[in-house]
Protein backbone atom coordinates (compact mmCIF):
# COMPACT_ATOMS: atom_id res chain seq x y z
CA MET A 1 59.28 5.20 -20.74
CA VAL A 2 57.59 4.78 -24.08
CA ARG A 3 56.41 1.30 -23.07
CA HIS A 4 54.86 2.80 -19.93
CA ASN A 5 52.81 5.32 -21.95
CA GLN A 6 51.64 2.60 -24.35
CA SER A 7 50.48 0.44 -21.43
CA CYS A 8 48.57 3.36 -19.95
CA GLY A 9 47.02 4.07 -23.34
CA ALA A 10 45.89 0.46 -23.74
CA THR A 11 44.35 0.49 -20.28
CA HIS A 12 42.73 3.79 -21.11
CA VAL A 13 41.12 2.35 -24.27
CA LYS A 14 39.76 -0.67 -22.38
CA ARG A 15 38.27 1.54 -19.69
CA LEU A 16 36.75 3.90 -22.25
CA THR A 17 35.14 0.91 -23.97
CA MET A 18 33.66 -0.24 -20.67
CA MET A 19 32.36 3.25 -19.91
CA ALA A 20 30.78 3.53 -23.35
CA CYS A 21 28.97 0.24 -22.85
CA ALA A 22 27.79 1.41 -19.44
CA ALA A 23 26.55 4.67 -20.92
CA VAL A 24 24.51 2.83 -23.57
CA PHE A 25 23.09 0.57 -20.86
CA LEU A 26 22.13 3.50 -18.64
CA ILE A 27 20.52 5.38 -21.52
CA ALA A 28 18.36 2.34 -22.25
CA VAL A 29 17.39 2.03 -18.59
CA SER A 30 16.38 5.68 -18.33
CA ASN A 31 13.78 5.23 -21.06
CA ASN A 32 11.92 2.40 -19.30
CA THR A 33 8.25 2.44 -18.32
CA TRP A 34 6.03 -0.18 -16.60
CA SER A 35 2.36 -0.99 -16.63
CA ALA A 36 0.22 -3.94 -15.67
CA ASP A 37 -3.43 -4.66 -14.97
CA THR A 38 -3.18 -7.98 -13.15
CA TYR A 39 -2.70 -8.59 -9.43
CA SER A 40 -0.69 -11.45 -8.03
CA TYR A 41 -0.46 -13.02 -4.60
CA VAL A 42 2.51 -11.88 -2.52
CA SER A 43 2.07 -13.15 1.03
CA SER A 44 -0.39 -13.66 3.86
CA ILE A 45 -0.59 -12.96 7.58
CA GLY A 46 -2.35 -15.09 10.15
CA SER A 47 -4.06 -18.40 10.77
CA TYR A 48 -6.93 -19.53 12.96
CA GLY A 49 -6.37 -18.96 16.67
CA SER A 50 -5.94 -16.49 19.51
CA ASP A 51 -2.16 -16.33 19.80
CA ASP A 52 -0.12 -13.34 18.66
CA GLY A 53 -0.50 -12.96 14.91
CA GLN A 54 -3.49 -15.29 14.68
CA PHE A 55 -7.08 -14.31 13.90
CA ILE A 56 -10.67 -15.38 14.30
CA GLN A 57 -12.66 -13.90 11.42
CA PRO A 58 -10.82 -10.60 10.97
CA ILE A 59 -12.99 -7.93 9.35
CA GLY A 60 -11.08 -4.66 8.95
CA VAL A 61 -7.61 -3.77 7.67
CA ALA A 62 -5.78 -0.43 7.36
CA ILE A 63 -2.25 0.64 6.38
CA ASP A 64 -0.61 3.79 7.75
CA SER A 65 1.87 6.05 5.97
CA SER A 66 4.81 4.16 7.51
CA GLY A 67 3.56 0.83 6.19
CA TYR A 68 2.26 -0.61 9.47
CA ILE A 69 -0.67 -2.98 9.01
CA TYR A 70 -3.62 -2.78 11.44
CA VAL A 71 -6.18 -5.58 11.58
CA SER A 72 -9.51 -5.72 13.38
CA ASP A 73 -9.33 -9.23 14.82
CA THR A 74 -13.09 -9.24 15.25
CA TYR A 75 -13.88 -12.40 17.18
CA ASN A 76 -10.77 -12.10 19.33
CA TYR A 77 -12.06 -8.65 20.34
CA ARG A 78 -8.78 -6.89 19.62
CA VAL A 79 -6.69 -4.93 17.16
CA GLN A 80 -3.32 -6.29 16.03
CA ARG A 81 -0.48 -4.36 14.39
CA PHE A 82 2.12 -5.80 12.03
CA SER A 83 5.21 -4.46 10.33
CA TYR A 84 5.32 -3.74 6.61
CA GLY A 85 6.83 -7.19 6.12
CA GLY A 86 4.01 -8.85 8.11
CA THR A 87 5.81 -9.41 11.41
CA TYR A 88 3.59 -9.25 14.50
CA GLN A 89 4.28 -6.23 16.71
CA ILE A 90 1.57 -5.35 19.25
CA GLN A 91 -2.10 -5.75 20.07
CA TRP A 92 -4.72 -4.14 22.25
CA GLY A 93 -8.31 -4.74 23.34
CA SER A 94 -10.43 -7.43 24.94
CA SER A 95 -14.11 -8.30 25.13
CA GLY A 96 -16.24 -5.72 26.95
CA SER A 97 -17.82 -2.29 26.86
CA ASP A 98 -15.29 -0.20 28.82
CA SER A 99 -12.91 2.20 27.10
CA GLY A 100 -10.39 0.22 25.07
CA GLU A 101 -12.58 -2.89 25.02
CA PHE A 102 -14.55 -4.15 22.03
CA SER A 103 -17.70 -5.94 21.05
CA LEU A 104 -16.93 -7.12 17.51
CA ALA A 105 -14.51 -4.48 16.25
CA GLN A 106 -14.92 -4.23 12.49
CA GLY A 107 -13.99 -1.11 10.52
CA ILE A 108 -10.55 0.44 11.04
CA ALA A 109 -8.72 3.49 9.66
CA VAL A 110 -5.48 5.35 10.43
CA ASP A 111 -4.84 9.09 10.01
CA THR A 112 -1.59 10.83 9.05
CA SER A 113 -0.79 11.53 12.71
CA GLY A 114 -0.87 7.86 13.60
CA TYR A 115 -4.26 7.77 15.31
CA VAL A 116 -6.28 4.61 14.80
CA TYR A 117 -10.10 4.75 14.56
CA VAL A 118 -12.07 1.56 15.21
CA SER A 119 -15.76 0.84 14.64
CA ASP A 120 -16.72 -0.94 17.85
CA THR A 121 -19.79 -2.41 16.20
CA GLY A 122 -21.50 -4.24 19.04
CA ASN A 123 -21.00 -1.29 21.38
CA HIS A 124 -22.36 1.14 18.72
CA ARG A 125 -19.45 3.54 19.01
CA ILE A 126 -16.19 4.72 17.48
CA GLN A 127 -13.02 4.44 19.55
CA LYS A 128 -9.82 6.35 18.82
CA PHE A 129 -6.32 5.16 19.81
CA TYR A 130 -2.74 6.12 19.17
CA ARG A 131 -0.76 3.69 17.04
CA ASP A 132 0.66 1.98 20.13
CA GLY A 133 -2.85 1.17 21.38
CA THR A 134 -3.10 3.99 23.92
CA TYR A 135 -6.76 4.94 24.32
CA SER A 136 -7.65 8.49 23.25
CA LEU A 137 -11.41 9.04 23.09
CA GLU A 138 -14.74 7.66 21.88
CA TRP A 139 -18.14 8.80 20.68
CA GLY A 140 -21.52 7.34 19.80
CA GLY A 141 -24.02 5.07 21.50
CA SER A 142 -27.03 3.04 20.40
CA GLY A 143 -29.69 5.08 18.60
CA SER A 144 -30.81 6.73 15.39
CA SER A 145 -30.27 10.41 16.21
CA ALA A 146 -27.25 12.31 14.92
CA SER A 147 -23.99 11.02 16.44
CA TYR A 148 -25.60 7.72 17.49
CA PHE A 149 -25.18 4.41 15.70
CA ALA A 150 -26.83 1.09 14.98
CA ASN A 151 -24.07 -1.45 14.31
CA PRO A 152 -21.54 0.84 12.61
CA ARG A 153 -19.12 -1.01 10.37
CA GLY A 154 -16.92 0.70 7.77
CA ILE A 155 -14.90 3.80 8.61
CA ALA A 156 -12.83 6.15 6.44
CA LEU A 157 -10.88 9.40 6.67
CA ASP A 158 -10.42 12.29 4.27
CA SER A 159 -7.32 14.45 3.79
CA SER A 160 -8.59 16.95 6.37
CA GLY A 161 -8.96 14.29 9.05
CA ASN A 162 -12.75 14.07 8.94
CA VAL A 163 -14.19 10.68 9.86
CA TYR A 164 -16.88 8.94 7.78
CA VAL A 165 -18.83 6.06 9.33
CA ALA A 166 -21.07 3.53 7.61
CA ASP A 167 -23.91 3.51 10.14
CA THR A 168 -25.12 0.22 8.77
CA ASP A 169 -28.44 -0.53 10.44
CA ASN A 170 -29.46 3.14 10.27
CA HIS A 171 -28.88 2.99 6.47
CA ARG A 172 -26.78 6.14 6.39
CA ILE A 173 -23.30 7.66 6.36
CA GLN A 174 -22.33 10.00 9.18
CA LYS A 175 -19.46 12.47 9.01
CA PHE A 176 -17.51 13.73 12.05
CA SER A 177 -14.46 15.78 12.90
CA SER A 178 -11.35 13.93 14.10
CA THR A 179 -12.50 14.44 17.70
CA GLY A 180 -16.00 13.10 17.10
CA GLY A 181 -17.82 16.36 16.49
CA TYR A 182 -20.89 15.76 14.33
CA VAL A 183 -20.72 17.38 10.87
CA THR A 184 -23.43 15.93 8.64
CA GLN A 185 -25.14 12.75 7.44
CA TRP A 186 -26.86 11.37 4.36
CA GLY A 187 -28.87 8.35 3.30
CA SER A 188 -32.01 6.52 4.40
CA TYR A 189 -33.53 3.11 3.72
CA GLY A 190 -34.44 2.39 0.10
CA THR A 191 -33.35 1.43 -3.39
CA GLY A 192 -33.44 4.73 -5.27
CA ASN A 193 -30.56 7.08 -5.99
CA SER A 194 -28.83 8.16 -2.74
CA LEU A 195 -30.90 5.69 -0.69
CA LEU A 196 -29.06 2.92 1.11
CA GLN A 197 -29.68 -0.58 2.40
CA TYR A 198 -27.24 -1.74 5.07
CA PRO A 199 -24.12 0.06 3.83
CA TYR A 200 -21.09 -1.84 5.10
CA ALA A 201 -18.21 0.35 3.97
CA VAL A 202 -17.15 3.81 2.84
CA ALA A 203 -13.95 5.17 1.27
CA VAL A 204 -12.94 8.74 0.42
CA SER A 205 -10.74 9.68 -2.54
CA SER A 206 -8.17 12.47 -2.68
CA SER A 207 -10.48 14.16 -5.21
CA GLY A 208 -13.18 14.57 -2.58
CA TYR A 209 -15.61 11.79 -3.44
CA ALA A 210 -17.13 9.35 -0.95
CA TYR A 211 -17.64 5.83 -2.33
CA VAL A 212 -20.19 3.76 -0.41
CA ALA A 213 -20.62 0.00 -0.55
CA ASP A 214 -24.43 -0.09 -0.62
CA THR A 215 -24.32 -3.71 0.42
CA ALA A 216 -27.89 -5.00 0.31
CA ASN A 217 -28.51 -3.09 -2.94
CA ASN A 218 -25.42 -4.73 -4.50
CA ARG A 219 -24.03 -1.51 -5.86
CA ILE A 220 -21.52 1.27 -5.26
CA GLN A 221 -22.86 4.79 -4.82
CA VAL A 222 -20.76 7.93 -5.13
CA PHE A 223 -21.34 11.14 -3.18
CA SER A 224 -19.57 14.38 -2.54
CA THR A 225 -18.10 14.65 0.95
CA THR A 226 -21.09 16.77 1.91
CA GLY A 227 -23.50 14.03 0.86
CA SER A 228 -24.64 15.17 -2.59
CA TYR A 229 -25.44 12.24 -4.87
CA VAL A 230 -23.04 11.88 -7.82
CA GLY A 231 -23.65 8.48 -9.39
CA GLN A 232 -23.58 4.71 -8.98
CA TRP A 233 -22.70 1.40 -10.61
CA GLY A 234 -23.33 -2.28 -10.07
CA SER A 235 -26.18 -4.75 -9.72
CA ALA A 236 -26.73 -8.22 -8.27
CA GLY A 237 -24.88 -10.99 -10.08
CA THR A 238 -21.57 -12.66 -10.82
CA GLY A 239 -20.54 -10.84 -14.00
CA ASP A 240 -17.91 -8.15 -14.34
CA GLY A 241 -19.08 -5.12 -12.38
CA GLN A 242 -21.82 -7.05 -10.59
CA PHE A 243 -21.84 -7.85 -6.88
CA ASN A 244 -23.05 -10.30 -4.30
CA VAL A 245 -22.86 -8.50 -0.95
CA PRO A 246 -20.06 -5.95 -1.48
CA SER A 247 -18.67 -5.40 2.02
CA GLY A 248 -15.38 -3.56 1.69
CA ILE A 249 -14.12 -0.67 -0.39
CA ALA A 250 -10.87 1.28 -0.82
CA VAL A 251 -9.52 3.98 -3.14
CA ASP A 252 -5.88 4.27 -4.20
CA SER A 253 -3.88 7.45 -4.87
CA SER A 254 -4.88 7.38 -8.55
CA GLY A 255 -8.59 7.21 -7.77
CA ASN A 256 -9.03 3.53 -8.60
CA VAL A 257 -11.70 1.81 -6.53
CA PHE A 258 -11.28 -1.69 -5.06
CA VAL A 259 -14.34 -3.61 -3.84
CA ALA A 260 -14.43 -6.73 -1.68
CA ASP A 261 -17.22 -8.65 -3.46
CA THR A 262 -17.78 -10.89 -0.46
CA HIS A 263 -20.12 -13.66 -1.56
CA ASN A 264 -18.51 -13.83 -4.99
CA ASP A 265 -15.18 -14.40 -3.20
CA ARG A 266 -13.27 -11.90 -5.28
CA ILE A 267 -11.85 -8.38 -5.45
CA GLN A 268 -12.98 -6.11 -8.28
CA LYS A 269 -11.14 -3.01 -9.43
CA PHE A 270 -12.76 -0.01 -11.14
CA ASP A 271 -11.57 3.39 -12.24
CA ALA A 272 -12.84 6.54 -10.53
CA ASN A 273 -15.90 6.64 -12.81
CA GLY A 274 -16.94 3.06 -12.10
CA ASN A 275 -15.59 1.51 -15.27
CA TYR A 276 -14.57 -2.11 -14.71
CA VAL A 277 -10.81 -2.72 -14.83
CA THR A 278 -10.00 -6.19 -13.51
CA GLN A 279 -10.73 -8.77 -10.81
CA TRP A 280 -9.06 -11.64 -9.00
CA GLY A 281 -9.95 -14.39 -6.57
CA ALA A 282 -12.24 -17.41 -6.29
CA TYR A 283 -13.62 -19.55 -3.49
CA GLY A 284 -11.01 -21.63 -1.71
CA THR A 285 -8.21 -21.78 0.84
CA GLY A 286 -5.18 -21.53 -1.45
CA ASN A 287 -3.03 -18.50 -2.06
CA GLY A 288 -5.08 -15.88 -3.89
CA GLN A 289 -8.36 -17.62 -3.06
CA PHE A 290 -10.96 -16.32 -0.61
CA ASN A 291 -13.66 -17.39 1.76
CA GLY A 292 -15.68 -14.29 2.47
CA PRO A 293 -13.32 -11.36 1.80
CA SER A 294 -14.69 -8.55 3.93
CA ALA A 295 -12.39 -5.52 3.64
CA VAL A 296 -9.70 -4.15 1.38
CA ALA A 297 -6.94 -1.56 1.82
CA VAL A 298 -4.25 -0.12 -0.46
CA ASP A 299 -0.84 1.10 0.70
CA THR A 300 1.29 3.88 -0.80
CA SER A 301 3.10 1.30 -2.94
CA GLY A 302 -0.14 0.18 -4.58
CA ASN A 303 -0.17 -3.16 -2.77
CA VAL A 304 -3.66 -4.44 -1.94
CA TYR A 305 -4.49 -6.06 1.41
CA VAL A 306 -7.61 -8.19 1.84
CA THR A 307 -9.12 -9.57 5.05
CA ASP A 308 -9.95 -13.12 4.02
CA SER A 309 -12.29 -13.46 6.99
CA SER A 310 -13.41 -17.07 7.04
CA ASN A 311 -9.88 -18.22 6.16
CA HIS A 312 -8.70 -16.22 9.20
CA ARG A 313 -5.95 -14.34 7.40
CA VAL A 314 -4.97 -11.18 5.57
CA GLN A 315 -3.66 -11.62 2.03
CA LYS A 316 -1.41 -9.18 0.21
CA PHE A 317 -1.35 -8.68 -3.55
CA SER A 318 0.76 -6.61 -5.91
CA ILE A 319 0.33 -5.56 -9.48
CA GLY A 320 2.39 -7.54 -11.95
CA ASP A 321 4.59 -10.65 -11.71
CA SER A 322 4.16 -12.52 -8.43
CA THR A 323 7.46 -14.39 -8.88
CA ALA A 324 9.31 -11.15 -8.17
CA ASN A 325 6.84 -9.30 -5.93
CA THR A 326 7.28 -6.46 -8.40
CA ASN A 327 5.84 -3.59 -6.42
CA ASN A 328 7.85 -4.08 -3.26
CA CYS A 329 11.02 -2.01 -3.27
CA TYR A 330 11.21 -2.56 0.48
CA ILE A 331 14.53 -0.90 1.37
CA ALA A 332 14.22 2.07 -0.98
CA THR A 333 10.62 2.65 0.08
CA ALA A 334 11.66 2.59 3.74
CA ALA A 335 14.48 5.06 3.09
CA TYR A 336 12.53 7.55 1.00
CA GLY A 337 9.22 7.20 2.89
CA SER A 338 6.94 6.29 -0.01
CA TYR A 339 6.90 3.98 -3.00
CA LEU A 340 5.66 6.98 -5.00
CA ASP A 341 8.92 8.86 -4.36
CA ALA A 342 10.71 9.69 -7.62
CA HIS A 343 13.94 7.99 -6.52
CA VAL A 344 12.11 4.73 -5.84
CA GLN A 345 10.39 4.88 -9.20
CA VAL A 346 13.76 5.19 -10.96
CA LEU A 347 15.07 2.11 -9.16
CA ARG A 348 11.88 0.22 -9.96
CA SER A 349 12.27 1.08 -13.63
CA PHE A 350 15.83 -0.31 -13.60
CA ARG A 351 14.67 -3.52 -11.96
CA ASP A 352 11.64 -4.14 -14.15
CA ARG A 353 13.39 -3.78 -17.47
CA TYR A 354 16.82 -5.24 -16.84
CA LEU A 355 16.64 -7.56 -13.85
CA LEU A 356 13.23 -9.10 -14.45
CA SER A 357 13.93 -9.68 -18.15
CA ASN A 358 16.36 -12.55 -17.57
CA GLU A 359 16.62 -15.59 -15.32
CA PRO A 360 19.75 -14.57 -13.33
CA GLY A 361 18.16 -11.19 -12.65
CA ARG A 362 14.92 -12.77 -11.45
CA VAL A 363 16.85 -15.04 -9.10
CA LEU A 364 18.67 -12.04 -7.68
CA VAL A 365 15.42 -10.09 -7.19
CA ASN A 366 13.72 -13.04 -5.51
CA LEU A 367 16.64 -13.39 -3.08
CA TYR A 368 16.43 -9.67 -2.35
CA TYR A 369 12.72 -9.85 -1.56
CA ARG A 370 13.20 -12.89 0.62
CA PHE A 371 15.65 -11.17 2.98
CA SER A 372 14.94 -7.44 2.65
CA PRO A 373 11.63 -6.97 4.61
CA PRO A 374 13.21 -7.15 8.11
CA ILE A 375 16.00 -4.84 6.97
CA ALA A 376 13.39 -2.40 5.66
CA ASP A 377 11.53 -2.57 9.00
CA TYR A 378 14.76 -1.64 10.79
CA ILE A 379 15.42 1.29 8.42
CA ARG A 380 11.84 2.59 8.60
CA GLU A 381 11.99 3.03 12.37
CA ARG A 382 15.39 4.82 12.51
CA GLU A 383 16.02 8.21 10.96
CA TYR A 384 19.81 7.77 10.80
CA ALA A 385 19.35 4.53 8.86
CA LYS A 386 17.05 6.26 6.36
CA THR A 387 19.67 8.96 5.83
CA ALA A 388 22.50 6.45 5.39
CA VAL A 389 20.58 4.42 2.81
CA ARG A 390 19.59 7.54 0.88
CA VAL A 391 23.25 8.58 0.74
CA MET A 392 24.23 5.16 -0.59
CA LEU A 393 21.42 5.03 -3.16
CA THR A 394 21.83 8.58 -4.49
CA PRO A 395 24.77 7.83 -6.86
CA LEU A 396 22.94 4.84 -8.31
CA VAL A 397 19.73 6.80 -8.84
CA PHE A 398 21.66 9.67 -10.41
CA GLY A 399 23.45 7.30 -12.75
CA ILE A 400 20.22 5.74 -13.97
CA GLU A 401 18.36 9.02 -14.32
CA TYR A 402 21.20 11.03 -15.94
CA PRO A 403 23.25 8.46 -17.84
CA LEU A 404 25.20 10.84 -20.12
CA ILE A 405 26.33 13.07 -17.29
CA SER A 406 27.23 10.03 -15.20
CA ALA A 407 29.16 8.44 -18.06
CA GLY A 408 31.09 11.69 -18.54
CA LEU A 409 31.99 11.86 -14.87
CA LEU A 410 33.12 8.23 -14.85
CA ILE A 411 35.24 8.70 -17.97
CA GLY A 412 36.79 11.77 -16.39
CA LEU A 413 37.68 9.79 -13.28
CA VAL A 414 39.31 7.13 -15.46
CA LEU A 415 41.30 9.65 -17.52
CA LEU A 416 42.57 11.67 -14.59
CA PRO A 417 45.03 9.06 -13.15
CA CYS A 418 46.42 8.29 -16.61
CA GLN A 419 46.87 11.97 -17.34
CA ARG A 420 48.76 12.45 -14.08
CA ARG A 421 51.04 9.47 -14.81
CA ARG A 422 51.78 10.84 -18.28
CA ARG A 423 52.71 14.23 -16.86
CA ARG A 424 55.00 12.65 -14.29
CA GLY A 425 56.52 10.50 -17.01
CA GLY A 426 57.13 13.54 -19.22
CA ASN A 427 59.19 15.16 -16.49
CA VAL A 428 61.58 12.19 -16.17
CA GLN A 429 65.03 13.00 -17.59
CA THR A 430 66.42 10.25 -19.83
CA PRO A 431 70.05 9.42 -18.86
CA ARG A 432 72.65 10.14 -21.50
């Protein structure tokens, strides 16, 4: 009987030692932070052609809240939709001027309800569809009066669902309701403050500022959403903060501004006030190189998508180490609905500090990212799968976020069986 208690005590000590080590590990993990200013190539979609998933000079790209990728396949006269992992799903459109047809579709945007807005440039109109390609409505026509267009290109939405259109050859921005009702406009031809020359793109921040790619003036101008001039930055050139035909623009959830600097074959990033942050890209056909990047979009995970038009593809970039695709917590993001969710951030912190800091961990992460995108696509489209994954991930997230409490619970679970065995052993009567 005594030998039994000693054995239990030895096991108990070993388990306590393991739990103490785990607690120290979890405490260290909970203090982790991550930051990076460089963007690395992740993947690309498309090649030259007219088959499913191929492009001919795609111009526009947009990402919805579920991670679906929409591409204006301009010279195939259609819109294509892809999964978050880049798998082709559906397409709609053909060449023509009837409802649902296009003449050089360029700008594209998606609202929170899943409606897709397309600048049908050659037909001088905006068309609205549901995410499955079902036609909804249209507005516009060729002209210079309010609600008419002359080769509209870029399109953007604000948090209230208002639609902003870069009415390029009319040198102005027009604002509409989600059903095409005219609201206001600003801009006219010129080089002074608030004047525009062939604006190709517009983006609206969550803070209520409209950023306009004033393309022929090689600058970015900032306005309120009612059209009041706020400021500008940029000039013609190849230096940091300079442009050569800026054609695309996007704003992330932190207010950072991304510009497709088309003829410089690069993407430039600025803060909300126009201060230069970083850039990437150069002319070429390799990964991370461009030939006429025309549009840029940012998803809720902070990944950046670029229509590399003359290379007939869309490239995806993430911030940080490209060998691990460090922004893409595919499965957790699918389960919790956003990469900005607090649970996903905790898991990312664990990965960045402890898995990416050693070679075995990096191998494991790379294997995960190789096979997880289709699993994430499956989870994203099924509510029961989201719930199941959240249930499975919750103990792990709790353990990382509250290491001391978790360590205490684990130690208690280890002690309980031993305590029960000791009580049973104490009740055994020793034979005389």
